[in-house]
Amino acid sequence: MLGRVNHIAIAVPILNEAAAIYRDTLGARISQPQSLPEHGVTVVFVELENTKIELLEPLDDTSPIAAFLERNPSGGIHHICYETRDITAAAEKLKATGARILGDGSPKIGAHGNPVIFLHPKDFNGTLIELEEV
């Protein structure tokens, strides 16, 4: 079911400042900002040789990232995303084992234009997991 790590997401209070740290201090390539209203965030990707870091900023106060930043004002690791070949089959297998899929359980389109689902952190040792079909 699991493929490689696609990205690690970090919630940040100010996206352009966080991107500048990765670009100017660490010398990383940074993608253009992308607004994802369905997910309540604006994202940029720090493009590394072997994976990506996704920096997330809330679009508004109703974003799940806004709630995360209330608890973690400086930001922090929000989730890890793994690739999967068949999101529907993965979701069915997970549901059969009792794992909880967040939202209505249906895949949404993520930042890469692919279907994604999020798995409840209480079912995975406190880690929010995103699965992305590739």
N, C-alpha and C. Protein backbone atom coordinates (compact mmCIF):
# COMPACT_ATOMS: atom_id res chain seq x y z
N MET A 1 0.81 -1.19 0.00
CA MET A 1 0.00 0.00 0.00
C MET A 1 0.86 1.26 0.00
N LEU A 2 1.89 1.32 0.86
CA LEU A 2 2.72 2.52 0.94
C LEU A 2 3.84 2.49 -0.07
N GLY A 3 4.05 3.63 -0.69
CA GLY A 3 5.20 3.84 -1.56
C GLY A 3 6.20 4.71 -0.83
N ARG A 4 6.87 5.53 -1.58
CA ARG A 4 7.90 6.39 -0.99
C ARG A 4 7.28 7.58 -0.26
N VAL A 5 8.08 8.27 0.54
CA VAL A 5 7.64 9.51 1.17
C VAL A 5 7.54 10.55 0.07
N ASN A 6 6.37 11.16 -0.05
CA ASN A 6 6.18 12.21 -1.05
C ASN A 6 6.62 13.55 -0.50
N HIS A 7 6.15 13.88 0.71
CA HIS A 7 6.57 15.13 1.35
C HIS A 7 6.30 15.10 2.85
N ILE A 8 6.95 16.00 3.53
CA ILE A 8 6.70 16.27 4.94
C ILE A 8 6.17 17.69 5.00
N ALA A 9 5.02 17.87 5.65
CA ALA A 9 4.37 19.17 5.70
C ALA A 9 4.66 19.88 7.01
N ILE A 10 4.98 21.16 6.90
CA ILE A 10 5.25 22.00 8.06
C ILE A 10 4.30 23.18 8.01
N ALA A 11 3.51 23.34 9.07
CA ALA A 11 2.62 24.50 9.19
C ALA A 11 3.47 25.70 9.61
N VAL A 12 3.23 26.83 8.96
CA VAL A 12 4.00 28.04 9.26
C VAL A 12 3.05 29.23 9.40
N PRO A 13 3.39 30.18 10.26
CA PRO A 13 2.51 31.33 10.43
C PRO A 13 2.57 32.33 9.26
N ILE A 14 3.75 32.46 8.64
CA ILE A 14 3.91 33.42 7.53
C ILE A 14 4.68 32.71 6.42
N LEU A 15 3.97 32.34 5.36
CA LEU A 15 4.53 31.50 4.30
C LEU A 15 5.74 32.11 3.62
N ASN A 16 5.67 33.38 3.23
CA ASN A 16 6.80 33.96 2.49
C ASN A 16 8.06 34.06 3.35
N GLU A 17 7.90 34.25 4.66
CA GLU A 17 9.07 34.28 5.55
C GLU A 17 9.69 32.89 5.68
N ALA A 18 8.84 31.87 5.82
CA ALA A 18 9.35 30.50 5.93
C ALA A 18 10.04 30.08 4.63
N ALA A 19 9.43 30.41 3.50
CA ALA A 19 10.04 30.07 2.21
C ALA A 19 11.40 30.76 2.05
N ALA A 20 11.49 32.00 2.50
CA ALA A 20 12.75 32.74 2.40
C ALA A 20 13.85 32.07 3.22
N ILE A 21 13.50 31.52 4.38
CA ILE A 21 14.51 30.83 5.20
C ILE A 21 15.08 29.64 4.43
N TYR A 22 14.20 28.84 3.83
CA TYR A 22 14.68 27.68 3.07
C TYR A 22 15.47 28.11 1.83
N ARG A 23 15.00 29.15 1.15
CA ARG A 23 15.66 29.61 -0.07
C ARG A 23 16.97 30.33 0.24
N ASP A 24 16.93 31.34 1.11
CA ASP A 24 18.07 32.22 1.32
C ASP A 24 19.10 31.66 2.31
N THR A 25 18.64 30.97 3.33
CA THR A 25 19.55 30.45 4.34
C THR A 25 20.06 29.06 3.98
N LEU A 26 19.15 28.22 3.46
CA LEU A 26 19.53 26.83 3.18
C LEU A 26 19.81 26.56 1.70
N GLY A 27 19.53 27.54 0.84
CA GLY A 27 19.84 27.39 -0.58
C GLY A 27 18.92 26.46 -1.35
N ALA A 28 17.70 26.25 -0.87
CA ALA A 28 16.78 25.32 -1.51
C ALA A 28 15.99 26.00 -2.63
N ARG A 29 15.53 25.16 -3.57
CA ARG A 29 14.59 25.62 -4.61
C ARG A 29 13.20 25.64 -4.01
N ILE A 30 12.45 26.68 -4.30
CA ILE A 30 11.11 26.86 -3.75
C ILE A 30 10.13 27.02 -4.91
N SER A 31 9.00 26.29 -4.84
CA SER A 31 7.96 26.42 -5.87
C SER A 31 7.20 27.73 -5.69
N GLN A 32 6.37 28.03 -6.65
CA GLN A 32 5.47 29.18 -6.53
C GLN A 32 4.37 28.85 -5.53
N PRO A 33 3.85 29.84 -4.82
CA PRO A 33 2.74 29.60 -3.90
C PRO A 33 1.51 29.10 -4.66
N GLN A 34 0.78 28.22 -4.02
CA GLN A 34 -0.43 27.64 -4.61
C GLN A 34 -1.54 27.68 -3.57
N SER A 35 -2.65 28.30 -3.90
CA SER A 35 -3.79 28.37 -3.00
C SER A 35 -4.68 27.14 -3.20
N LEU A 36 -5.04 26.48 -2.09
CA LEU A 36 -5.89 25.29 -2.13
C LEU A 36 -7.11 25.54 -1.23
N PRO A 37 -8.11 26.25 -1.73
CA PRO A 37 -9.27 26.59 -0.90
C PRO A 37 -9.99 25.38 -0.31
N GLU A 38 -10.04 24.26 -1.04
CA GLU A 38 -10.71 23.07 -0.53
C GLU A 38 -10.04 22.53 0.73
N HIS A 39 -8.75 22.81 0.87
CA HIS A 39 -7.99 22.36 2.04
C HIS A 39 -7.74 23.50 3.03
N GLY A 40 -8.09 24.73 2.64
CA GLY A 40 -7.94 25.88 3.53
C GLY A 40 -6.52 26.37 3.70
N VAL A 41 -5.67 26.14 2.70
CA VAL A 41 -4.26 26.51 2.83
C VAL A 41 -3.69 27.12 1.55
N THR A 42 -2.58 27.80 1.74
CA THR A 42 -1.68 28.16 0.65
C THR A 42 -0.40 27.39 0.91
N VAL A 43 0.18 26.81 -0.14
CA VAL A 43 1.38 25.98 0.03
C VAL A 43 2.49 26.43 -0.91
N VAL A 44 3.71 26.15 -0.49
CA VAL A 44 4.87 26.14 -1.38
C VAL A 44 5.61 24.85 -1.08
N PHE A 45 6.34 24.38 -2.06
CA PHE A 45 7.15 23.18 -1.87
C PHE A 45 8.63 23.53 -1.91
N VAL A 46 9.35 23.04 -0.92
CA VAL A 46 10.81 23.08 -0.90
C VAL A 46 11.21 21.82 -1.64
N GLU A 47 11.86 22.00 -2.78
CA GLU A 47 12.14 20.88 -3.67
C GLU A 47 13.54 20.33 -3.41
N LEU A 48 13.57 19.13 -2.85
CA LEU A 48 14.83 18.46 -2.53
C LEU A 48 15.07 17.34 -3.52
N GLU A 49 16.28 16.81 -3.53
CA GLU A 49 16.63 15.73 -4.45
C GLU A 49 15.79 14.48 -4.23
N ASN A 50 15.52 14.13 -2.97
CA ASN A 50 14.89 12.85 -2.67
C ASN A 50 13.44 12.97 -2.19
N THR A 51 12.95 14.19 -1.93
CA THR A 51 11.56 14.39 -1.50
C THR A 51 11.26 15.88 -1.52
N LYS A 52 10.15 16.26 -0.90
CA LYS A 52 9.78 17.67 -0.81
C LYS A 52 9.37 17.99 0.63
N ILE A 53 9.51 19.25 0.98
CA ILE A 53 8.95 19.78 2.22
C ILE A 53 7.82 20.72 1.78
N GLU A 54 6.64 20.50 2.32
CA GLU A 54 5.49 21.36 2.00
C GLU A 54 5.30 22.35 3.14
N LEU A 55 5.38 23.63 2.83
CA LEU A 55 5.12 24.66 3.83
C LEU A 55 3.67 25.10 3.68
N LEU A 56 2.91 25.07 4.78
CA LEU A 56 1.48 25.34 4.76
C LEU A 56 1.15 26.59 5.56
N GLU A 57 0.38 27.48 4.97
CA GLU A 57 -0.12 28.66 5.67
C GLU A 57 -1.64 28.65 5.56
N PRO A 58 -2.36 28.95 6.65
CA PRO A 58 -3.82 28.94 6.58
C PRO A 58 -4.34 30.06 5.67
N LEU A 59 -5.42 29.76 4.92
CA LEU A 59 -6.06 30.79 4.11
C LEU A 59 -6.84 31.78 4.98
N ASP A 60 -7.42 31.26 6.07
CA ASP A 60 -8.20 32.10 6.98
C ASP A 60 -8.32 31.39 8.33
N ASP A 61 -9.10 31.97 9.21
CA ASP A 61 -9.23 31.43 10.57
C ASP A 61 -9.98 30.10 10.64
N THR A 62 -10.67 29.72 9.57
CA THR A 62 -11.42 28.45 9.58
C THR A 62 -10.56 27.27 9.12
N SER A 63 -9.36 27.54 8.67
CA SER A 63 -8.46 26.49 8.19
C SER A 63 -8.01 25.59 9.33
N PRO A 64 -7.90 24.26 9.07
CA PRO A 64 -7.33 23.38 10.10
C PRO A 64 -5.91 23.79 10.49
N ILE A 65 -5.21 24.44 9.58
CA ILE A 65 -3.85 24.89 9.88
C ILE A 65 -3.87 26.04 10.88
N ALA A 66 -4.91 26.88 10.81
CA ALA A 66 -5.04 27.98 11.79
C ALA A 66 -5.18 27.41 13.20
N ALA A 67 -5.98 26.35 13.34
CA ALA A 67 -6.14 25.71 14.66
C ALA A 67 -4.81 25.11 15.12
N PHE A 68 -4.07 24.49 14.21
CA PHE A 68 -2.76 23.92 14.54
C PHE A 68 -1.83 25.03 15.04
N LEU A 69 -1.83 26.18 14.35
CA LEU A 69 -0.94 27.28 14.71
C LEU A 69 -1.36 27.94 16.03
N GLU A 70 -2.62 27.85 16.40
CA GLU A 70 -3.05 28.36 17.71
C GLU A 70 -2.35 27.57 18.82
N ARG A 71 -2.21 26.27 18.60
CA ARG A 71 -1.55 25.41 19.59
C ARG A 71 -0.03 25.46 19.47
N ASN A 72 0.45 25.81 18.27
CA ASN A 72 1.90 25.82 17.96
C ASN A 72 2.21 27.12 17.22
N PRO A 73 2.26 28.26 17.91
CA PRO A 73 2.37 29.56 17.24
C PRO A 73 3.58 29.72 16.31
N SER A 74 4.66 29.03 16.59
CA SER A 74 5.84 29.14 15.73
C SER A 74 5.77 28.21 14.53
N GLY A 75 4.76 27.33 14.51
CA GLY A 75 4.64 26.33 13.44
C GLY A 75 5.22 25.01 13.89
N GLY A 76 5.25 24.07 12.96
CA GLY A 76 5.81 22.76 13.27
C GLY A 76 5.36 21.72 12.27
N ILE A 77 5.90 20.53 12.41
CA ILE A 77 5.54 19.44 11.50
C ILE A 77 4.07 19.13 11.65
N HIS A 78 3.36 19.12 10.55
CA HIS A 78 1.91 18.91 10.55
C HIS A 78 1.55 17.49 10.13
N HIS A 79 2.14 17.00 9.02
CA HIS A 79 1.84 15.64 8.57
C HIS A 79 2.94 15.11 7.67
N ILE A 80 2.88 13.82 7.43
CA ILE A 80 3.79 13.17 6.48
C ILE A 80 2.92 12.54 5.40
N CYS A 81 3.35 12.68 4.16
CA CYS A 81 2.59 12.16 3.02
C CYS A 81 3.35 11.01 2.37
N TYR A 82 2.65 9.88 2.24
CA TYR A 82 3.19 8.72 1.55
C TYR A 82 2.45 8.52 0.24
N GLU A 83 3.15 8.02 -0.73
CA GLU A 83 2.53 7.71 -2.01
C GLU A 83 1.86 6.35 -1.97
N THR A 84 0.79 6.21 -2.74
CA THR A 84 0.12 4.93 -2.93
C THR A 84 -0.33 4.85 -4.38
N ARG A 85 -0.39 3.65 -4.92
CA ARG A 85 -0.77 3.50 -6.33
C ARG A 85 -2.27 3.58 -6.56
N ASP A 86 -3.06 3.15 -5.57
CA ASP A 86 -4.52 3.11 -5.74
C ASP A 86 -5.17 3.61 -4.46
N ILE A 87 -5.57 4.87 -4.45
CA ILE A 87 -6.12 5.49 -3.25
C ILE A 87 -7.43 4.83 -2.82
N THR A 88 -8.24 4.40 -3.78
CA THR A 88 -9.52 3.77 -3.46
C THR A 88 -9.30 2.44 -2.75
N ALA A 89 -8.40 1.62 -3.29
CA ALA A 89 -8.10 0.33 -2.66
C ALA A 89 -7.47 0.55 -1.28
N ALA A 90 -6.59 1.54 -1.17
CA ALA A 90 -5.96 1.82 0.12
C ALA A 90 -7.02 2.24 1.14
N ALA A 91 -7.95 3.11 0.74
CA ALA A 91 -9.00 3.57 1.65
C ALA A 91 -9.88 2.42 2.10
N GLU A 92 -10.24 1.55 1.18
CA GLU A 92 -11.08 0.40 1.53
C GLU A 92 -10.37 -0.52 2.52
N LYS A 93 -9.09 -0.79 2.28
CA LYS A 93 -8.32 -1.65 3.18
C LYS A 93 -8.20 -1.01 4.56
N LEU A 94 -7.94 0.29 4.59
CA LEU A 94 -7.82 0.99 5.87
C LEU A 94 -9.12 0.96 6.65
N LYS A 95 -10.22 1.24 5.97
CA LYS A 95 -11.53 1.21 6.65
C LYS A 95 -11.81 -0.18 7.21
N ALA A 96 -11.44 -1.21 6.47
CA ALA A 96 -11.67 -2.59 6.91
C ALA A 96 -10.88 -2.92 8.18
N THR A 97 -9.76 -2.24 8.38
CA THR A 97 -8.96 -2.47 9.59
C THR A 97 -9.39 -1.59 10.74
N GLY A 98 -10.35 -0.68 10.48
CA GLY A 98 -10.83 0.21 11.53
C GLY A 98 -10.13 1.56 11.56
N ALA A 99 -9.22 1.80 10.65
CA ALA A 99 -8.55 3.11 10.58
C ALA A 99 -9.56 4.16 10.13
N ARG A 100 -9.43 5.35 10.69
CA ARG A 100 -10.36 6.43 10.37
C ARG A 100 -9.77 7.36 9.32
N ILE A 101 -10.57 7.63 8.28
CA ILE A 101 -10.21 8.59 7.25
C ILE A 101 -10.92 9.88 7.59
N LEU A 102 -10.19 10.98 7.62
CA LEU A 102 -10.77 12.26 8.00
C LEU A 102 -11.71 12.79 6.92
N GLY A 103 -12.56 13.72 7.32
CA GLY A 103 -13.53 14.29 6.39
C GLY A 103 -14.63 13.29 6.13
N ASP A 104 -15.15 13.30 4.91
CA ASP A 104 -16.23 12.36 4.56
C ASP A 104 -15.70 11.01 4.09
N GLY A 105 -14.38 10.82 4.13
CA GLY A 105 -13.79 9.55 3.73
C GLY A 105 -13.48 9.45 2.26
N SER A 106 -13.89 10.45 1.50
CA SER A 106 -13.65 10.45 0.05
C SER A 106 -12.37 11.22 -0.26
N PRO A 107 -11.63 10.78 -1.28
CA PRO A 107 -10.44 11.52 -1.67
C PRO A 107 -10.78 12.91 -2.17
N LYS A 108 -9.88 13.85 -1.90
CA LYS A 108 -9.94 15.20 -2.43
C LYS A 108 -8.70 15.38 -3.31
N ILE A 109 -8.73 16.37 -4.15
CA ILE A 109 -7.56 16.65 -4.99
C ILE A 109 -6.57 17.50 -4.18
N GLY A 110 -5.33 17.03 -4.14
CA GLY A 110 -4.29 17.72 -3.38
C GLY A 110 -3.48 18.68 -4.22
N ALA A 111 -2.41 19.19 -3.64
CA ALA A 111 -1.58 20.22 -4.27
C ALA A 111 -0.91 19.76 -5.56
N HIS A 112 -0.71 18.46 -5.73
CA HIS A 112 -0.08 17.95 -6.95
C HIS A 112 -1.10 17.56 -8.01
N GLY A 113 -2.39 17.84 -7.73
CA GLY A 113 -3.44 17.48 -8.68
C GLY A 113 -3.86 16.02 -8.60
N ASN A 114 -3.43 15.32 -7.56
CA ASN A 114 -3.74 13.90 -7.39
C ASN A 114 -4.70 13.71 -6.22
N PRO A 115 -5.46 12.62 -6.21
CA PRO A 115 -6.35 12.34 -5.08
C PRO A 115 -5.56 12.06 -3.81
N VAL A 116 -6.07 12.61 -2.68
CA VAL A 116 -5.43 12.42 -1.38
C VAL A 116 -6.50 12.10 -0.33
N ILE A 117 -6.08 11.41 0.72
CA ILE A 117 -6.88 11.22 1.92
C ILE A 117 -5.98 11.45 3.12
N PHE A 118 -6.59 11.82 4.24
CA PHE A 118 -5.86 12.00 5.49
C PHE A 118 -6.37 10.99 6.50
N LEU A 119 -5.45 10.40 7.26
CA LEU A 119 -5.77 9.38 8.25
C LEU A 119 -5.64 9.95 9.65
N HIS A 120 -6.57 9.59 10.51
CA HIS A 120 -6.63 10.15 11.86
C HIS A 120 -5.34 9.86 12.62
N PRO A 121 -4.75 10.89 13.22
CA PRO A 121 -3.48 10.68 13.93
C PRO A 121 -3.58 9.73 15.12
N LYS A 122 -4.75 9.63 15.74
CA LYS A 122 -4.87 8.73 16.89
C LYS A 122 -4.75 7.26 16.48
N ASP A 123 -4.94 6.98 15.20
CA ASP A 123 -4.79 5.61 14.71
C ASP A 123 -3.36 5.29 14.28
N PHE A 124 -2.49 6.33 14.25
CA PHE A 124 -1.13 6.14 13.73
C PHE A 124 -0.10 6.81 14.64
N ASN A 125 -0.13 6.44 15.91
CA ASN A 125 0.87 6.89 16.88
C ASN A 125 1.00 8.41 16.96
N GLY A 126 -0.11 9.12 16.82
CA GLY A 126 -0.09 10.57 16.95
C GLY A 126 0.36 11.31 15.71
N THR A 127 0.50 10.63 14.58
CA THR A 127 0.97 11.26 13.36
C THR A 127 -0.16 11.36 12.35
N LEU A 128 -0.44 12.57 11.88
CA LEU A 128 -1.39 12.76 10.79
C LEU A 128 -0.72 12.27 9.51
N ILE A 129 -1.38 11.35 8.81
CA ILE A 129 -0.82 10.78 7.59
C ILE A 129 -1.70 11.15 6.42
N GLU A 130 -1.04 11.58 5.36
CA GLU A 130 -1.71 11.82 4.08
C GLU A 130 -1.26 10.73 3.13
N LEU A 131 -2.20 10.15 2.40
CA LEU A 131 -1.87 9.24 1.30
C LEU A 131 -2.21 9.95 0.01
N GLU A 132 -1.30 9.90 -0.94
CA GLU A 132 -1.49 10.53 -2.24
C GLU A 132 -1.34 9.49 -3.34
N GLU A 133 -2.32 9.41 -4.22
CA GLU A 133 -2.25 8.49 -5.33
C GLU A 133 -1.29 9.03 -6.39
N VAL A 134 -0.36 8.18 -6.80
CA VAL A 134 0.60 8.60 -7.84
C VAL A 134 0.63 7.56 -8.95
